[in-house]
Protein backbone atom coordinates (compact mmCIF):
# COMPACT_ATOMS: atom_id res chain seq x y z
CA MET A 1 -6.20 37.93 46.53
CA PRO A 2 -3.22 36.15 44.92
CA ASN A 3 -4.33 32.86 46.53
CA LEU A 4 -7.89 33.37 45.26
CA PHE A 5 -6.57 34.14 41.79
CA SER A 6 -4.43 30.98 41.80
CA TRP A 7 -7.39 28.96 43.01
CA LEU A 8 -9.54 30.28 40.14
CA LEU A 9 -6.81 29.47 37.62
CA ASP A 10 -6.53 25.92 38.98
CA LYS A 11 -10.29 25.48 38.75
CA LEU A 12 -10.37 26.72 35.17
CA LYS A 13 -7.46 24.44 34.31
CA GLN A 14 -9.17 21.42 35.89
CA ARG A 15 -12.40 22.21 34.06
CA GLU A 16 -10.56 22.43 30.74
CA GLU A 17 -8.72 19.16 31.42
CA LYS A 18 -12.00 17.38 32.19
CA LYS A 19 -13.48 18.77 28.99
CA GLN A 20 -10.50 17.48 27.00
CA GLU A 21 -10.74 14.07 28.66
CA LYS A 22 -14.41 13.80 27.66
CA LEU A 23 -13.60 14.73 24.08
CA ILE A 24 -10.77 12.20 23.92
CA ALA A 25 -12.96 9.48 25.43
CA LYS A 26 -15.51 10.17 22.71
CA VAL A 27 -13.14 9.07 19.95
CA PHE A 28 -10.52 6.81 21.59
CA THR A 29 -10.83 4.08 24.22
CA PRO A 30 -7.96 3.71 26.74
CA GLU A 31 -6.96 0.47 24.99
CA LYS A 32 -6.80 2.18 21.62
CA PHE A 33 -4.72 5.01 23.03
CA HIS A 34 -2.33 2.48 24.54
CA ARG A 35 -1.88 0.99 21.05
CA LEU A 36 -1.15 4.50 19.79
CA GLU A 37 1.56 4.94 22.42
CA GLN A 38 3.15 1.66 21.33
CA LEU A 39 3.07 2.86 17.73
CA ALA A 40 4.70 6.18 18.63
CA GLY A 41 7.21 4.47 20.92
CA ILE A 42 6.68 6.97 23.72
CA SER A 43 4.52 7.62 26.76
CA ILE A 44 1.99 10.27 25.79
CA LYS A 45 0.99 12.98 28.25
CA ASP A 46 -0.73 15.47 25.94
CA LYS A 47 -3.35 13.16 24.46
CA SER A 48 -5.28 15.99 22.78
CA GLN A 49 -2.29 16.75 20.57
CA PHE A 50 -2.25 13.23 19.15
CA ILE A 51 -6.01 13.26 18.67
CA GLN A 52 -5.55 16.41 16.62
CA ALA A 53 -2.76 14.78 14.61
CA LEU A 54 -5.15 12.05 13.49
CA MET A 55 -8.11 14.32 12.81
CA HIS A 56 -8.91 15.01 9.18
CA ARG A 57 -10.67 18.31 8.53
CA SER A 58 -13.77 16.43 7.31
CA PHE A 59 -14.27 15.11 10.87
CA LEU A 60 -14.78 18.66 12.15
CA GLU A 61 -17.86 19.10 9.97
CA GLN A 62 -19.79 16.51 11.98
CA ASN A 63 -18.05 17.03 15.33
CA THR A 64 -18.09 20.77 15.99
CA GLU A 65 -16.81 20.44 19.57
CA PHE A 66 -13.36 19.81 18.07
CA LYS A 67 -11.72 22.99 16.80
CA PHE A 68 -8.62 22.05 14.81
CA SER A 69 -7.69 19.44 12.20
CA ASN A 70 -4.21 17.97 11.73
CA GLU A 71 -3.07 20.56 9.18
CA ARG A 72 -0.91 22.65 11.55
CA LEU A 73 0.82 19.55 12.93
CA GLU A 74 1.30 18.31 9.37
CA PHE A 75 3.21 21.50 8.59
CA LEU A 76 5.51 20.93 11.58
CA GLY A 77 5.95 17.21 10.97
CA ASP A 78 6.92 17.80 7.35
CA SER A 79 9.84 20.00 8.48
CA VAL A 80 10.95 17.53 11.16
CA LEU A 81 10.81 14.66 8.65
CA SER A 82 12.87 16.57 6.09
CA LEU A 83 15.53 17.43 8.68
CA VAL A 84 15.82 13.87 10.03
CA VAL A 85 16.03 12.30 6.57
CA ALA A 86 18.56 14.91 5.41
CA GLU A 87 20.78 14.31 8.44
CA TYR A 88 20.62 10.53 7.97
CA LEU A 89 21.56 10.75 4.27
CA PHE A 90 24.34 13.25 5.00
CA ASP A 91 25.94 10.76 7.43
CA ALA A 92 25.13 7.58 5.48
CA PHE A 93 26.51 8.76 2.11
CA PRO A 94 29.61 10.89 2.89
CA GLU A 95 30.98 10.59 -0.65
CA LYS A 96 27.80 11.64 -2.47
CA ASP A 97 27.13 15.14 -3.75
CA GLU A 98 24.20 17.48 -3.02
CA GLY A 99 22.32 16.39 -6.15
CA PHE A 100 22.30 12.73 -5.09
CA LEU A 101 21.26 13.56 -1.51
CA THR A 102 18.43 15.80 -2.72
CA LYS A 103 17.15 13.14 -5.12
CA ILE A 104 17.16 10.39 -2.49
CA ARG A 105 15.52 12.60 0.12
CA ALA A 106 12.75 13.38 -2.37
CA LYS A 107 12.15 9.63 -2.84
CA LEU A 108 12.01 8.98 0.90
CA VAL A 109 9.57 11.78 1.72
CA ASN A 110 7.26 11.74 -1.30
CA ARG A 111 3.54 11.10 -0.84
CA LEU A 112 3.59 7.53 -2.12
CA THR A 113 6.43 6.48 0.19
CA LEU A 114 4.79 8.11 3.22
CA ALA A 115 1.35 6.68 2.40
CA GLU A 116 2.83 3.18 2.12
CA ALA A 117 4.67 3.64 5.43
CA ALA A 118 1.46 4.80 7.11
CA GLU A 119 -0.43 1.83 5.72
CA LYS A 120 2.21 -0.65 6.93
CA ILE A 121 1.93 0.59 10.51
CA LYS A 122 -1.89 0.64 10.18
CA LEU A 123 -2.20 4.33 10.92
CA GLN A 124 -5.52 4.23 9.07
CA ASP A 125 -7.00 2.36 12.06
CA PHE A 126 -6.60 5.52 14.14
CA LEU A 127 -7.73 8.17 11.65
CA LEU A 128 -10.66 10.40 12.52
CA ILE A 129 -12.54 11.18 9.31
CA SER A 130 -16.12 11.95 8.38
CA LYS A 131 -18.55 9.11 7.72
CA ASN A 132 -18.91 10.23 4.12
CA LEU A 133 -15.17 10.09 3.51
CA SER A 134 -14.78 6.78 5.36
CA HIS A 135 -17.17 5.13 2.89
CA THR A 136 -14.79 5.91 0.03
CA PHE A 137 -11.56 5.36 1.96
CA LEU A 138 -11.20 1.67 1.02
CA ASN A 139 -7.47 0.88 1.24
CA GLY A 140 -6.60 4.40 2.30
CA SER A 141 -6.28 7.67 0.46
CA GLN A 142 -2.63 8.43 -0.22
CA THR A 143 -3.05 12.12 0.59
CA VAL A 144 -4.96 11.54 3.84
CA LEU A 145 -2.49 8.90 5.02
CA CYS A 146 0.56 10.96 4.09
CA ASP A 147 -0.76 14.07 5.84
CA ALA A 148 -1.69 12.09 8.95
CA LEU A 149 1.77 10.51 9.18
CA GLU A 150 3.45 13.91 8.95
CA ALA A 151 1.08 15.31 11.61
CA PHE A 152 1.79 12.28 13.81
CA ILE A 153 5.52 13.00 13.51
CA GLY A 154 4.81 16.61 14.50
CA ALA A 155 2.93 15.44 17.60
CA ILE A 156 5.79 13.11 18.61
CA TYR A 157 8.24 15.99 18.21
CA LEU A 158 6.20 18.30 20.45
CA GLU A 159 5.65 15.56 23.02
CA SER A 160 9.15 14.08 23.26
CA GLY A 161 11.56 16.04 21.08
CA LEU A 162 13.81 15.36 18.11
CA GLU A 163 15.39 12.14 19.36
CA ALA A 164 12.04 10.35 19.72
CA SER A 165 10.91 11.73 16.34
CA SER A 166 14.13 10.50 14.71
CA LYS A 167 13.67 6.99 16.11
CA PHE A 168 10.11 6.81 14.79
CA ILE A 169 11.08 8.17 11.36
CA TYR A 170 14.04 5.81 11.04
CA LYS A 171 11.98 2.77 12.06
CA THR A 172 8.93 3.44 9.89
CA ILE A 173 10.30 5.30 6.85
CA ILE A 174 14.08 5.29 6.44
CA ALA A 175 15.10 1.74 7.41
CA PRO A 176 12.42 -0.15 5.40
CA ASN A 177 13.10 1.81 2.20
CA ILE A 178 16.88 1.73 2.49
CA LYS A 179 16.74 -2.02 3.17
CA GLU A 180 14.51 -2.63 0.15
CA GLY A 181 16.74 -0.50 -2.04
CA VAL A 182 13.87 1.71 -3.18
CA TYR A 183 16.24 4.68 -3.23
CA LEU A 184 18.37 2.93 -5.88
CA ILE A 185 15.51 2.36 -8.29
CA ASP A 186 15.84 4.36 -11.48
CA GLU A 187 12.45 6.03 -11.66
CA ASN A 188 13.03 6.80 -15.31
CA TYR A 189 11.82 3.31 -16.33
CA LYS A 190 8.17 4.30 -16.02
CA SER A 191 8.88 7.62 -17.70
CA GLN A 192 10.78 5.89 -20.51
CA LEU A 193 7.93 3.47 -21.09
CA LEU A 194 5.38 6.29 -21.12
CA GLU A 195 7.50 8.28 -23.59
CA TYR A 196 7.86 5.20 -25.80
CA ALA A 197 4.10 4.62 -25.82
CA GLN A 198 3.35 8.26 -26.65
CA ALA A 199 6.02 8.43 -29.36
CA ASN A 200 4.51 5.35 -31.03
CA HIS A 201 0.91 6.58 -30.65
CA MET A 202 0.03 3.80 -28.23
CA GLU A 203 -2.24 3.81 -25.20
CA ILE A 204 -0.90 4.91 -21.83
CA PRO A 205 0.76 2.01 -19.90
CA THR A 206 -1.47 0.48 -17.22
CA TYR A 207 -0.13 -1.20 -14.06
CA LEU A 208 -2.16 -3.97 -12.42
CA VAL A 209 -1.48 -5.92 -9.23
CA VAL A 210 -1.80 -9.61 -10.12
CA ARG A 211 -0.59 -11.13 -6.85
CA GLU A 212 0.16 -10.28 -3.22
CA GLU A 213 2.14 -12.79 -1.17
CA GLY A 214 3.63 -13.07 2.30
CA PRO A 215 2.65 -11.74 5.73
CA GLN A 216 1.43 -8.16 6.15
CA HIS A 217 4.79 -6.90 7.40
CA ASN A 218 6.70 -8.51 4.52
CA ARG A 219 4.45 -8.40 1.44
CA ILE A 220 5.64 -9.21 -2.05
CA PHE A 221 3.69 -7.56 -4.87
CA THR A 222 3.60 -8.84 -8.45
CA ILE A 223 2.52 -6.25 -11.00
CA LYS A 224 2.11 -6.47 -14.75
CA VAL A 225 2.20 -3.56 -17.16
CA THR A 226 0.04 -3.55 -20.26
CA ILE A 227 -0.27 -1.19 -23.19
CA GLY A 228 -3.67 -1.59 -24.71
CA ARG A 229 -4.43 -5.31 -24.51
CA GLU A 230 -0.82 -6.44 -24.77
CA GLU A 231 1.26 -7.38 -21.73
CA PHE A 232 4.72 -5.84 -21.82
CA GLY A 233 6.32 -6.86 -18.55
CA VAL A 234 5.96 -8.26 -15.04
CA GLY A 235 7.79 -7.09 -11.92
CA LYS A 236 7.98 -7.96 -8.25
CA GLY A 237 8.77 -5.78 -5.25
CA ARG A 238 8.23 -5.29 -1.53
CA ASN A 239 5.92 -2.40 -2.30
CA LYS A 240 3.80 -1.40 -5.27
CA LYS A 241 6.15 1.37 -6.30
CA SER A 242 9.20 -0.86 -6.70
CA ALA A 243 7.10 -3.59 -8.37
CA GLU A 244 5.80 -1.10 -10.94
CA GLN A 245 9.32 0.11 -11.65
CA ASN A 246 10.52 -3.46 -12.12
CA ALA A 247 7.61 -4.18 -14.46
CA ALA A 248 8.44 -1.08 -16.50
CA HIS A 249 12.10 -2.15 -16.55
CA ALA A 250 11.10 -5.57 -17.90
CA ALA A 251 8.96 -3.84 -20.53
CA MET A 252 11.85 -1.66 -21.68
CA LYS A 253 14.09 -4.75 -21.94
CA LEU A 254 11.43 -6.46 -24.08
CA ILE A 255 11.16 -3.44 -26.32
CA ALA A 256 14.95 -3.19 -26.66
CA SER A 257 15.28 -6.90 -27.54
CA SER A 258 12.46 -6.66 -30.06
CA SER A 259 14.04 -3.70 -31.82
CA THR A 260 17.37 -5.51 -32.22
CA ALA A 261 15.86 -8.83 -33.31
């Protein structure tokens, strides 16, 4: 009887594995999955987990054979990301206090930063979303990209542990932003400009990309900020966030010089 029971369990397991393989083959070719392994930096055994990490809940509406979206993995990945970034900052800035570390961590893990990181590694090429949503996805929804990146981190953690997750997070999120000095940017420039406009009964500042230069992995953005029809400043940066801050900084300098003239 024990041998028969084991045989039945093996058969059920094989049947489930074949079912999973068919589902995976439906959405990812072997070549595409190999690209995903290169992106993660690991050899993936549990393919279904990574499929789930890239599956937006809208995809389930038209593909009922799949049961779960990436929301559970997103929850896990968010915690792993926060831990890895906190540990890095704790070691990298030994003289800084808790307030500084908390502020910098918030900059490194906010939705805009994560969405930009996801876009740079072309995670959008692997996303599983409904046809209706894909028509409006254009350059990538910040929320969808951010959630998918966190879920992807969660899948890496479950597959290969904290060390592999840390390597991926450092390579795709920490190192690029620390190198570009995004964490040093005073985010009050945009707030100061908005407060100035409101205090003087002006229109809300508008930021417009006027130029993108350089290869995909090393883009330079030029952004101008206008209030109404008047241009107030131009800024450059390696991502849109830093370029907007630099444009707002230029605007505040212009305003300060005008008030003292």
